[in-house]
């Protein structure tokens, strides 16, 4: 499987994340049968800006906005999440378990 094919599969899953929900890099990797590839999912998210992917809904396993520096502006990732009703304090999603979407359970 080439990186491009993997990246496209990542984007397909990310496009399914419901409005007002988030998932993690690892959850997407696990859903794609590549549980040890969370970092590759992160690289895919870094390259997703032209692909209409809601990358702001993908965070690390603890709910931290680790990808925020890949968004234009200093707080764009947080602003996008907050516009969907997700509370973020100090780059940490609040009530993470409540807003977490597990693609493996949905697909």
PDB file of N, CA and C in Angstrom:
ATOM      1  N   UNK A   1       0.852  -1.181   0.000  1.00  0.00           N
ATOM      2  CA  UNK A   1       0.000   0.000   0.000  1.00  0.00           C
ATOM      3  C   UNK A   1       0.892   1.237   0.000  1.00  0.00           C
ATOM      4  N   UNK A   2       0.702   2.125  -0.935  1.00  0.00           N
ATOM      5  CA  UNK A   2       1.509   3.337  -0.980  1.00  0.00           C
ATOM      6  C   UNK A   2       0.957   4.358   0.000  1.00  0.00           C
ATOM      7  N   UNK A   3       1.790   5.329   0.328  1.00  0.00           N
ATOM      8  CA  UNK A   3       1.356   6.378   1.241  1.00  0.00           C
ATOM      9  C   UNK A   3       0.129   7.097   0.704  1.00  0.00           C
ATOM     10  N   UNK A   4       0.129   7.353  -0.594  1.00  0.00           N
ATOM     11  CA  UNK A   4      -1.003   8.086  -1.170  1.00  0.00           C
ATOM     12  C   UNK A   4      -2.300   7.309  -0.964  1.00  0.00           C
ATOM     13  N   UNK A   5      -2.297   6.025  -1.205  1.00  0.00           N
ATOM     14  CA  UNK A   5      -3.507   5.237  -0.991  1.00  0.00           C
ATOM     15  C   UNK A   5      -3.908   5.255   0.481  1.00  0.00           C
ATOM     16  N   UNK A   6      -2.952   5.138   1.364  1.00  0.00           N
ATOM     17  CA  UNK A   6      -3.241   5.193   2.798  1.00  0.00           C
ATOM     18  C   UNK A   6      -3.817   6.556   3.154  1.00  0.00           C
ATOM     19  N   UNK A   7      -3.200   7.617   2.649  1.00  0.00           N
ATOM     20  CA  UNK A   7      -3.679   8.966   2.936  1.00  0.00           C
ATOM     21  C   UNK A   7      -5.120   9.124   2.458  1.00  0.00           C
ATOM     22  N   UNK A   8      -5.438   8.634   1.272  1.00  0.00           N
ATOM     23  CA  UNK A   8      -6.804   8.755   0.754  1.00  0.00           C
ATOM     24  C   UNK A   8      -7.792   8.008   1.645  1.00  0.00           C
ATOM     25  N   UNK A   9      -7.394   6.856   2.164  1.00  0.00           N
ATOM     26  CA  UNK A   9      -8.261   6.108   3.085  1.00  0.00           C
ATOM     27  C   UNK A   9      -8.460   6.887   4.383  1.00  0.00           C
ATOM     28  N   UNK A  10      -7.403   7.531   4.854  1.00  0.00           N
ATOM     29  CA  UNK A  10      -7.499   8.379   6.049  1.00  0.00           C
ATOM     30  C   UNK A  10      -8.507   9.499   5.796  1.00  0.00           C
ATOM     31  N   UNK A  11      -8.414  10.128   4.635  1.00  0.00           N
ATOM     32  CA  UNK A  11      -9.315  11.238   4.320  1.00  0.00           C
ATOM     33  C   UNK A  11     -10.759  10.753   4.242  1.00  0.00           C
ATOM     34  N   UNK A  12     -10.971   9.569   3.700  1.00  0.00           N
ATOM     35  CA  UNK A  12     -12.330   9.017   3.620  1.00  0.00           C
ATOM     36  C   UNK A  12     -12.932   8.860   5.016  1.00  0.00           C
ATOM     37  N   UNK A  13     -12.146   8.339   5.962  1.00  0.00           N
ATOM     38  CA  UNK A  13     -12.632   8.183   7.338  1.00  0.00           C
ATOM     39  C   UNK A  13     -12.852   9.553   7.973  1.00  0.00           C
ATOM     40  N   UNK A  14     -11.893  10.462   7.809  1.00  0.00           N
ATOM     41  CA  UNK A  14     -11.992  11.782   8.435  1.00  0.00           C
ATOM     42  C   UNK A  14     -13.224  12.538   7.944  1.00  0.00           C
ATOM     43  N   UNK A  15     -13.584  12.361   6.682  1.00  0.00           N
ATOM     44  CA  UNK A  15     -14.761  13.059   6.150  1.00  0.00           C
ATOM     45  C   UNK A  15     -16.056  12.564   6.798  1.00  0.00           C
ATOM     46  N   UNK A  16     -16.010  11.415   7.451  1.00  0.00           N
ATOM     47  CA  UNK A  16     -17.196  10.848   8.098  1.00  0.00           C
ATOM     48  C   UNK A  16     -17.379  11.297   9.543  1.00  0.00           C
ATOM     49  N   UNK A  17     -16.377  11.976  10.113  1.00  0.00           N
ATOM     50  CA  UNK A  17     -16.483  12.427  11.506  1.00  0.00           C
ATOM     51  C   UNK A  17     -17.648  13.409  11.596  1.00  0.00           C
ATOM     52  N   UNK A  18     -18.621  13.116  12.440  1.00  0.00           N
ATOM     53  CA  UNK A  18     -19.796  14.000  12.529  1.00  0.00           C
ATOM     54  C   UNK A  18     -19.447  15.399  13.055  1.00  0.00           C
ATOM     55  N   UNK A  19     -20.196  16.372  12.616  1.00  0.00           N
ATOM     56  CA  UNK A  19     -20.102  17.741  13.124  1.00  0.00           C
ATOM     57  C   UNK A  19     -20.241  17.699  14.649  1.00  0.00           C
ATOM     58  N   UNK A  20     -19.367  18.408  15.346  1.00  0.00           N
ATOM     59  CA  UNK A  20     -19.448  18.453  16.803  1.00  0.00           C
ATOM     60  C   UNK A  20     -18.831  17.262  17.505  1.00  0.00           C
ATOM     61  N   UNK A  21     -18.095  16.438  16.767  1.00  0.00           N
ATOM     62  CA  UNK A  21     -17.419  15.267  17.343  1.00  0.00           C
ATOM     63  C   UNK A  21     -15.953  15.304  16.921  1.00  0.00           C
ATOM     64  N   UNK A  22     -15.122  14.546  17.616  1.00  0.00           N
ATOM     65  CA  UNK A  22     -13.704  14.436  17.273  1.00  0.00           C
ATOM     66  C   UNK A  22     -13.282  12.975  17.339  1.00  0.00           C
ATOM     67  N   UNK A  23     -12.172  12.683  16.716  1.00  0.00           N
ATOM     68  CA  UNK A  23     -11.560  11.365  16.840  1.00  0.00           C
ATOM     69  C   UNK A  23     -10.060  11.563  16.960  1.00  0.00           C
ATOM     70  N   UNK A  24      -9.334  10.464  17.100  1.00  0.00           N
ATOM     71  CA  UNK A  24      -7.889  10.563  17.261  1.00  0.00           C
ATOM     72  C   UNK A  24      -7.165   9.954  16.070  1.00  0.00           C
ATOM     73  N   UNK A  25      -5.891  10.318  15.949  1.00  0.00           N
ATOM     74  CA  UNK A  25      -5.057   9.752  14.892  1.00  0.00           C
ATOM     75  C   UNK A  25      -5.030   8.232  15.020  1.00  0.00           C
ATOM     76  N   UNK A  26      -4.879   7.755  16.239  1.00  0.00           N
ATOM     77  CA  UNK A  26      -4.815   6.315  16.481  1.00  0.00           C
ATOM     78  C   UNK A  26      -6.107   5.595  16.178  1.00  0.00           C
ATOM     79  N   UNK A  27      -7.240   6.238  16.458  1.00  0.00           N
ATOM     80  CA  UNK A  27      -8.532   5.605  16.174  1.00  0.00           C
ATOM     81  C   UNK A  27      -8.727   5.437  14.673  1.00  0.00           C
ATOM     82  N   UNK A  28      -8.286   6.428  13.899  1.00  0.00           N
ATOM     83  CA  UNK A  28      -8.380   6.293  12.445  1.00  0.00           C
ATOM     84  C   UNK A  28      -7.448   5.190  11.966  1.00  0.00           C
ATOM     85  N   UNK A  29      -6.230   5.158  12.488  1.00  0.00           N
ATOM     86  CA  UNK A  29      -5.272   4.120  12.099  1.00  0.00           C
ATOM     87  C   UNK A  29      -5.821   2.726  12.412  1.00  0.00           C
ATOM     88  N   UNK A  30      -6.376   2.559  13.597  1.00  0.00           N
ATOM     89  CA  UNK A  30      -6.944   1.268  14.000  1.00  0.00           C
ATOM     90  C   UNK A  30      -8.095   0.879  13.080  1.00  0.00           C
ATOM     91  N   UNK A  31      -8.947   1.837  12.759  1.00  0.00           N
ATOM     92  CA  UNK A  31     -10.081   1.582  11.869  1.00  0.00           C
ATOM     93  C   UNK A  31      -9.607   1.081  10.504  1.00  0.00           C
ATOM     94  N   UNK A  32      -8.451   1.569  10.071  1.00  0.00           N
ATOM     95  CA  UNK A  32      -7.914   1.178   8.762  1.00  0.00           C
ATOM     96  C   UNK A  32      -7.046  -0.079   8.835  1.00  0.00           C
ATOM     97  N   UNK A  33      -7.010  -0.714  10.008  1.00  0.00           N
ATOM     98  CA  UNK A  33      -6.234  -1.945  10.158  1.00  0.00           C
ATOM     99  C   UNK A  33      -4.744  -1.712  10.268  1.00  0.00           C
ATOM    100  N   UNK A  34      -4.359  -0.507  10.656  1.00  0.00           N
ATOM    101  CA  UNK A  34      -2.946  -0.153  10.775  1.00  0.00           C
ATOM    102  C   UNK A  34      -2.725   0.520  12.125  1.00  0.00           C
ATOM    103  N   UNK A  35      -3.030  -0.207  13.189  1.00  0.00           N
ATOM    104  CA  UNK A  35      -3.072   0.363  14.540  1.00  0.00           C
ATOM    105  C   UNK A  35      -1.795   1.098  14.944  1.00  0.00           C
ATOM    106  N   UNK A  36      -0.668   0.729  14.385  1.00  0.00           N
ATOM    107  CA  UNK A  36       0.594   1.362  14.774  1.00  0.00           C
ATOM    108  C   UNK A  36       0.950   2.553  13.876  1.00  0.00           C
ATOM    109  N   UNK A  37      -0.011   3.023  13.114  1.00  0.00           N
ATOM    110  CA  UNK A  37       0.270   4.071  12.121  1.00  0.00           C
ATOM    111  C   UNK A  37      -0.356   5.422  12.451  1.00  0.00           C
ATOM    112  N   UNK A  38      -0.523   5.706  13.735  1.00  0.00           N
ATOM    113  CA  UNK A  38      -1.124   6.989  14.127  1.00  0.00           C
ATOM    114  C   UNK A  38      -0.315   8.158  13.578  1.00  0.00           C
ATOM    115  N   UNK A  39       0.990   8.040  13.573  1.00  0.00           N
ATOM    116  CA  UNK A  39       1.840   9.128  13.067  1.00  0.00           C
ATOM    117  C   UNK A  39       1.605   9.354  11.570  1.00  0.00           C
ATOM    118  N   UNK A  40       1.392   8.261  10.826  1.00  0.00           N
ATOM    119  CA  UNK A  40       1.089   8.391   9.393  1.00  0.00           C
ATOM    120  C   UNK A  40      -0.238   9.114   9.194  1.00  0.00           C
ATOM    121  N   UNK A  41      -1.204   8.845  10.068  1.00  0.00           N
ATOM    122  CA  UNK A  41      -2.482   9.555   9.997  1.00  0.00           C
ATOM    123  C   UNK A  41      -2.239  11.048  10.231  1.00  0.00           C
ATOM    124  N   UNK A  42      -1.368  11.358  11.164  1.00  0.00           N
ATOM    125  CA  UNK A  42      -1.011  12.762  11.412  1.00  0.00           C
ATOM    126  C   UNK A  42      -0.398  13.407  10.184  1.00  0.00           C
ATOM    127  N   UNK A  43       0.490  12.690   9.518  1.00  0.00           N
ATOM    128  CA  UNK A  43       1.093  13.229   8.289  1.00  0.00           C
ATOM    129  C   UNK A  43       0.017  13.448   7.226  1.00  0.00           C
ATOM    130  N   UNK A  44      -0.924  12.533   7.137  1.00  0.00           N
ATOM    131  CA  UNK A  44      -2.024  12.695   6.177  1.00  0.00           C
ATOM    132  C   UNK A  44      -2.822  13.962   6.508  1.00  0.00           C
ATOM    133  N   UNK A  45      -3.111  14.168   7.786  1.00  0.00           N
ATOM    134  CA  UNK A  45      -3.863  15.357   8.180  1.00  0.00           C
ATOM    135  C   UNK A  45      -3.087  16.632   7.839  1.00  0.00           C
ATOM    136  N   UNK A  46      -1.768  16.593   8.013  1.00  0.00           N
ATOM    137  CA  UNK A  46      -0.934  17.757   7.689  1.00  0.00           C
ATOM    138  C   UNK A  46      -1.027  18.117   6.214  1.00  0.00           C
ATOM    139  N   UNK A  47      -1.307  17.142   5.368  1.00  0.00           N
ATOM    140  CA  UNK A  47      -1.356  17.350   3.921  1.00  0.00           C
ATOM    141  C   UNK A  47      -2.777  17.407   3.379  1.00  0.00           C
ATOM    142  N   UNK A  48      -3.757  17.636   4.232  1.00  0.00           N
ATOM    143  CA  UNK A  48      -5.149  17.526   3.813  1.00  0.00           C
ATOM    144  C   UNK A  48      -5.818  18.855   3.476  1.00  0.00           C
ATOM    145  N   UNK A  49      -5.109  19.953   3.563  1.00  0.00           N
ATOM    146  CA  UNK A  49      -5.758  21.264   3.454  1.00  0.00           C
ATOM    147  C   UNK A  49      -6.471  21.492   2.122  1.00  0.00           C
ATOM    148  N   UNK A  50      -6.029  20.880   1.065  1.00  0.00           N
ATOM    149  CA  UNK A  50      -6.655  21.071  -0.248  1.00  0.00           C
ATOM    150  C   UNK A  50      -7.728  20.027  -0.544  1.00  0.00           C
ATOM    151  N   UNK A  51      -8.009  19.140   0.389  1.00  0.00           N
ATOM    152  CA  UNK A  51      -8.847  17.981   0.106  1.00  0.00           C
ATOM    153  C   UNK A  51     -10.220  17.998   0.782  1.00  0.00           C
ATOM    154  N   UNK A  52     -10.625  19.127   1.328  1.00  0.00           N
ATOM    155  CA  UNK A  52     -11.920  19.237   2.006  1.00  0.00           C
ATOM    156  C   UNK A  52     -12.102  18.161   3.070  1.00  0.00           C
ATOM    157  N   UNK A  53     -11.115  18.072   3.932  1.00  0.00           N
ATOM    158  CA  UNK A  53     -11.118  17.122   5.041  1.00  0.00           C
ATOM    159  C   UNK A  53     -11.234  17.923   6.334  1.00  0.00           C
ATOM    160  N   UNK A  54     -12.133  17.541   7.247  1.00  0.00           N
ATOM    161  CA  UNK A  54     -12.258  18.274   8.515  1.00  0.00           C
ATOM    162  C   UNK A  54     -11.144  17.877   9.494  1.00  0.00           C
ATOM    163  N   UNK A  55      -9.925  18.239   9.127  1.00  0.00           N
ATOM    164  CA  UNK A  55      -8.756  17.848   9.923  1.00  0.00           C
ATOM    165  C   UNK A  55      -8.804  18.400  11.341  1.00  0.00           C
ATOM    166  N   UNK A  56      -9.557  19.472  11.558  1.00  0.00           N
ATOM    167  CA  UNK A  56      -9.654  20.049  12.907  1.00  0.00           C
ATOM    168  C   UNK A  56     -10.335  19.089  13.870  1.00  0.00           C
ATOM    169  N   UNK A  57     -11.030  18.081  13.363  1.00  0.00           N
ATOM    170  CA  UNK A  57     -11.726  17.107  14.212  1.00  0.00           C
ATOM    171  C   UNK A  57     -10.848  15.921  14.594  1.00  0.00           C
ATOM    172  N   UNK A  58      -9.574  15.954  14.220  1.00  0.00           N
ATOM    173  CA  UNK A  58      -8.657  14.857  14.540  1.00  0.00           C
ATOM    174  C   UNK A  58      -7.606  15.381  15.508  1.00  0.00           C
ATOM    175  N   UNK A  59      -7.540  14.751  16.675  1.00  0.00           N
ATOM    176  CA  UNK A  59      -6.650  15.196  17.751  1.00  0.00           C
ATOM    177  C   UNK A  59      -5.866  13.994  18.280  1.00  0.00           C
ATOM    178  N   UNK A  60      -5.013  14.221  19.273  1.00  0.00           N
ATOM    179  CA  UNK A  60      -4.279  13.073  19.801  1.00  0.00           C
ATOM    180  C   UNK A  60      -5.151  12.281  20.778  1.00  0.00           C
ATOM    181  N   UNK A  61      -4.639  11.174  21.260  1.00  0.00           N
ATOM    182  CA  UNK A  61      -5.437  10.242  22.070  1.00  0.00           C
ATOM    183  C   UNK A  61      -5.882  10.814  23.408  1.00  0.00           C
ATOM    184  N   UNK A  62      -5.298  11.937  23.793  1.00  0.00           N
ATOM    185  CA  UNK A  62      -5.687  12.576  25.055  1.00  0.00           C
ATOM    186  C   UNK A  62      -6.574  13.795  24.829  1.00  0.00           C
ATOM    187  N   UNK A  63      -6.909  14.064  23.563  1.00  0.00           N
ATOM    188  CA  UNK A  63      -7.759  15.206  23.257  1.00  0.00           C
ATOM    189  C   UNK A  63      -7.015  16.513  23.100  1.00  0.00           C
ATOM    190  N   UNK A  64      -5.704  16.443  22.915  1.00  0.00           N
ATOM    191  CA  UNK A  64      -4.909  17.659  22.731  1.00  0.00           C
ATOM    192  C   UNK A  64      -4.872  18.051  21.259  1.00  0.00           C
ATOM    193  N   UNK A  65      -4.886  19.356  21.008  1.00  0.00           N
ATOM    194  CA  UNK A  65      -4.850  19.876  19.647  1.00  0.00           C
ATOM    195  C   UNK A  65      -3.413  19.898  19.134  1.00  0.00           C
ATOM    196  N   UNK A  66      -2.834  18.733  18.956  1.00  0.00           N
ATOM    197  CA  UNK A  66      -1.431  18.634  18.566  1.00  0.00           C
ATOM    198  C   UNK A  66      -1.179  19.087  17.134  1.00  0.00           C
ATOM    199  N   UNK A  67      -2.202  19.125  16.292  1.00  0.00           N
ATOM    200  CA  UNK A  67      -2.016  19.535  14.906  1.00  0.00           C
ATOM    201  C   UNK A  67      -2.310  20.993  14.652  1.00  0.00           C
ATOM    202  N   UNK A  68      -2.514  21.774  15.699  1.00  0.00           N
ATOM    203  CA  UNK A  68      -2.981  23.148  15.516  1.00  0.00           C
ATOM    204  C   UNK A  68      -2.017  24.029  14.740  1.00  0.00           C
ATOM    205  N   UNK A  69      -0.728  23.743  14.794  1.00  0.00           N
ATOM    206  CA  UNK A  69       0.235  24.591  14.091  1.00  0.00           C
ATOM    207  C   UNK A  69       0.194  24.395  12.575  1.00  0.00           C
ATOM    208  N   UNK A  70      -0.581  23.430  12.095  1.00  0.00           N
ATOM    209  CA  UNK A  70      -0.732  23.219  10.655  1.00  0.00           C
ATOM    210  C   UNK A  70      -1.928  23.979  10.084  1.00  0.00           C
ATOM    211  N   UNK A  71      -2.616  24.740  10.916  1.00  0.00           N
ATOM    212  CA  UNK A  71      -3.755  25.540  10.478  1.00  0.00           C
ATOM    213  C   UNK A  71      -3.328  26.996  10.351  1.00  0.00           C
ATOM    214  N   UNK A  72      -3.904  27.698   9.391  1.00  0.00           N
ATOM    215  CA  UNK A  72      -3.626  29.124   9.261  1.00  0.00           C
ATOM    216  C   UNK A  72      -4.129  29.845  10.507  1.00  0.00           C
ATOM    217  N   UNK A  73      -3.388  30.833  10.940  1.00  0.00           N
ATOM    218  CA  UNK A  73      -3.793  31.576  12.131  1.00  0.00           C
ATOM    219  C   UNK A  73      -3.412  30.819  13.391  1.00  0.00           C
ATOM    220  N   UNK A  74      -3.330  31.520  14.482  1.00  0.00           N
ATOM    221  CA  UNK A  74      -2.846  30.910  15.712  1.00  0.00           C
ATOM    222  C   UNK A  74      -3.866  30.000  16.382  1.00  0.00           C
ATOM    223  N   UNK A  75      -5.154  30.307  16.256  1.00  0.00           N
ATOM    224  CA  UNK A  75      -6.164  29.529  16.973  1.00  0.00           C
ATOM    225  C   UNK A  75      -7.236  28.955  16.060  1.00  0.00           C
ATOM    226  N   UNK A  76      -6.964  28.805  14.770  1.00  0.00           N
ATOM    227  CA  UNK A  76      -8.003  28.385  13.836  1.00  0.00           C
ATOM    228  C   UNK A  76      -8.574  27.018  14.182  1.00  0.00           C
ATOM    229  N   UNK A  77      -7.734  26.057  14.544  1.00  0.00           N
ATOM    230  CA  UNK A  77      -8.235  24.717  14.876  1.00  0.00           C
ATOM    231  C   UNK A  77      -9.211  24.813  16.051  1.00  0.00           C
ATOM    232  N   UNK A  78      -8.821  25.540  17.086  1.00  0.00           N
ATOM    233  CA  UNK A  78      -9.686  25.705  18.250  1.00  0.00           C
ATOM    234  C   UNK A  78     -10.971  26.427  17.872  1.00  0.00           C
ATOM    235  N   UNK A  79     -10.868  27.472  17.055  1.00  0.00           N
ATOM    236  CA  UNK A  79     -12.056  28.222  16.650  1.00  0.00           C
ATOM    237  C   UNK A  79     -13.029  27.341  15.869  1.00  0.00           C
ATOM    238  N   UNK A  80     -12.502  26.507  14.979  1.00  0.00           N
ATOM    239  CA  UNK A  80     -13.363  25.603  14.207  1.00  0.00           C
ATOM    240  C   UNK A  80     -14.080  24.621  15.131  1.00  0.00           C
ATOM    241  N   UNK A  81     -13.358  24.069  16.095  1.00  0.00           N
ATOM    242  CA  UNK A  81     -13.971  23.137  17.038  1.00  0.00           C
ATOM    243  C   UNK A  81     -15.030  23.840  17.886  1.00  0.00           C
ATOM    244  N   UNK A  82     -14.698  25.020  18.379  1.00  0.00           N
ATOM    245  CA  UNK A  82     -15.654  25.754  19.214  1.00  0.00           C
ATOM    246  C   UNK A  82     -16.900  26.147  18.422  1.00  0.00           C
ATOM    247  N   UNK A  83     -16.738  26.406  17.125  1.00  0.00           N
ATOM    248  CA  UNK A  83     -17.900  26.752  16.297  1.00  0.00           C
ATOM    249  C   UNK A  83     -18.845  25.560  16.151  1.00  0.00           C
ATOM    250  N   UNK A  84     -18.335  24.357  16.461  1.00  0.00           N
ATOM    251  CA  UNK A  84     -19.149  23.142  16.426  1.00  0.00           C
ATOM    252  C   UNK A  84     -19.632  22.744  17.816  1.00  0.00           C
ATOM    253  N   UNK A  85     -19.382  23.602  18.798  1.00  0.00           N
ATOM    254  CA  UNK A  85     -19.871  23.349  20.149  1.00  0.00           C
ATOM    255  C   UNK A  85     -18.919  22.554  21.030  1.00  0.00           C
ATOM    256  N   UNK A  86     -17.686  22.382  20.590  1.00  0.00           N
ATOM    257  CA  UNK A  86     -16.701  21.640  21.382  1.00  0.00           C
ATOM    258  C   UNK A  86     -15.902  22.636  22.216  1.00  0.00           C
ATOM    259  N   UNK A  87     -15.845  22.398  23.516  1.00  0.00           N
ATOM    260  CA  UNK A  87     -15.129  23.294  24.422  1.00  0.00           C
ATOM    261  C   UNK A  87     -13.657  22.910  24.472  1.00  0.00           C
ATOM    262  N   UNK A  88     -12.796  23.912  24.300  1.00  0.00           N
ATOM    263  CA  UNK A  88     -11.351  23.701  24.332  1.00  0.00           C
ATOM    264  C   UNK A  88     -10.752  24.667  25.341  1.00  0.00           C
ATOM    265  N   UNK A  89      -9.980  24.127  26.284  1.00  0.00           N
ATOM    266  CA  UNK A  89      -9.274  24.942  27.266  1.00  0.00           C
ATOM    267  C   UNK A  89      -7.816  24.505  27.264  1.00  0.00           C
ATOM    268  N   UNK A  90      -6.908  25.463  27.074  1.00  0.00           N
ATOM    269  CA  UNK A  90      -5.466  25.185  27.043  1.00  0.00           C
ATOM    270  C   UNK A  90      -5.138  24.063  26.056  1.00  0.00           C
ATOM    271  N   UNK A  91      -5.673  24.164  24.848  1.00  0.00           N
ATOM    272  CA  UNK A  91      -5.435  23.192  23.771  1.00  0.00           C
ATOM    273  C   UNK A  91      -5.935  21.784  24.095  1.00  0.00           C
ATOM    274  N   UNK A  92      -6.811  21.658  25.069  1.00  0.00           N
ATOM    275  CA  UNK A  92      -7.342  20.363  25.505  1.00  0.00           C
ATOM    276  C   UNK A  92      -8.855  20.355  25.324  1.00  0.00           C
ATOM    277  N   UNK A  93      -9.362  19.343  24.612  1.00  0.00           N
ATOM    278  CA  UNK A  93     -10.803  19.215  24.450  1.00  0.00           C
ATOM    279  C   UNK A  93     -11.410  18.794  25.779  1.00  0.00           C
ATOM    280  N   UNK A  94     -12.432  19.518  26.201  1.00  0.00           N
ATOM    281  CA  UNK A  94     -13.130  19.199  27.444  1.00  0.00           C
ATOM    282  C   UNK A  94     -14.196  18.137  27.152  1.00  0.00           C
ATOM    283  N   UNK A  95     -14.465  17.301  28.122  1.00  0.00           N
ATOM    284  CA  UNK A  95     -15.433  16.206  27.943  1.00  0.00           C
ATOM    285  C   UNK A  95     -15.080  15.352  26.727  1.00  0.00           C
ATOM    286  N   UNK A  96     -13.808  15.046  26.608  1.00  0.00           N
ATOM    287  CA  UNK A  96     -13.294  14.331  25.439  1.00  0.00           C
ATOM    288  C   UNK A  96     -14.042  13.023  25.183  1.00  0.00           C
ATOM    289  N   UNK A  97     -14.306  12.262  26.241  1.00  0.00           N
ATOM    290  CA  UNK A  97     -14.993  10.975  26.068  1.00  0.00           C
ATOM    291  C   UNK A  97     -16.396  11.167  25.496  1.00  0.00           C
ATOM    292  N   UNK A  98     -17.022  12.277  25.852  1.00  0.00           N
ATOM    293  CA  UNK A  98     -18.387  12.551  25.403  1.00  0.00           C
ATOM    294  C   UNK A  98     -18.444  12.915  23.918  1.00  0.00           C
ATOM    295  N   UNK A  99     -17.450  13.627  23.427  1.00  0.00           N
ATOM    296  CA  UNK A  99     -17.457  14.076  22.026  1.00  0.00           C
ATOM    297  C   UNK A  99     -16.625  13.171  21.112  1.00  0.00           C
ATOM    298  N   UNK A 100     -15.975  12.163  21.704  1.00  0.00           N
ATOM    299  CA  UNK A 100     -15.127  11.268  20.909  1.00  0.00           C
ATOM    300  C   UNK A 100     -15.971  10.377  19.996  1.00  0.00           C
ATOM    301  N   UNK A 101     -15.577  10.283  18.750  1.00  0.00           N
ATOM    302  CA  UNK A 101     -16.228   9.428  17.744  1.00  0.00           C
ATOM    303  C   UNK A 101     -15.239   8.336  17.362  1.00  0.00           C
ATOM    304  N   UNK A 102     -15.633   7.088  17.581  1.00  0.00           N
ATOM    305  CA  UNK A 102     -14.756   5.962  17.267  1.00  0.00           C
ATOM    306  C   UNK A 102     -15.159   5.375  15.906  1.00  0.00           C
ATOM    307  N   UNK A 103     -14.346   5.604  14.881  1.00  0.00           N
ATOM    308  CA  UNK A 103     -14.706   5.119  13.558  1.00  0.00           C
ATOM    309  C   UNK A 103     -14.841   3.601  13.475  1.00  0.00           C
ATOM    310  N   UNK A 104     -14.117   2.867  14.297  1.00  0.00           N
ATOM    311  CA  UNK A 104     -14.193   1.406  14.264  1.00  0.00           C
ATOM    312  C   UNK A 104     -15.570   0.906  14.697  1.00  0.00           C
ATOM    313  N   UNK A 105     -16.243   1.679  15.561  1.00  0.00           N
ATOM    314  CA  UNK A 105     -17.579   1.289  16.012  1.00  0.00           C
ATOM    315  C   UNK A 105     -18.663   1.726  15.039  1.00  0.00           C
ATOM    316  N   UNK A 106     -18.334   2.664  14.168  1.00  0.00           N
ATOM    317  CA  UNK A 106     -19.325   3.251  13.266  1.00  0.00           C
ATOM    318  C   UNK A 106     -19.245   2.695  11.856  1.00  0.00           C
ATOM    319  N   UNK A 107     -18.096   2.211  11.454  1.00  0.00           N
ATOM    320  CA  UNK A 107     -17.918   1.760  10.062  1.00  0.00           C
ATOM    321  C   UNK A 107     -17.936   0.253   9.933  1.00  0.00           C
TER     322      UNK A 107
END
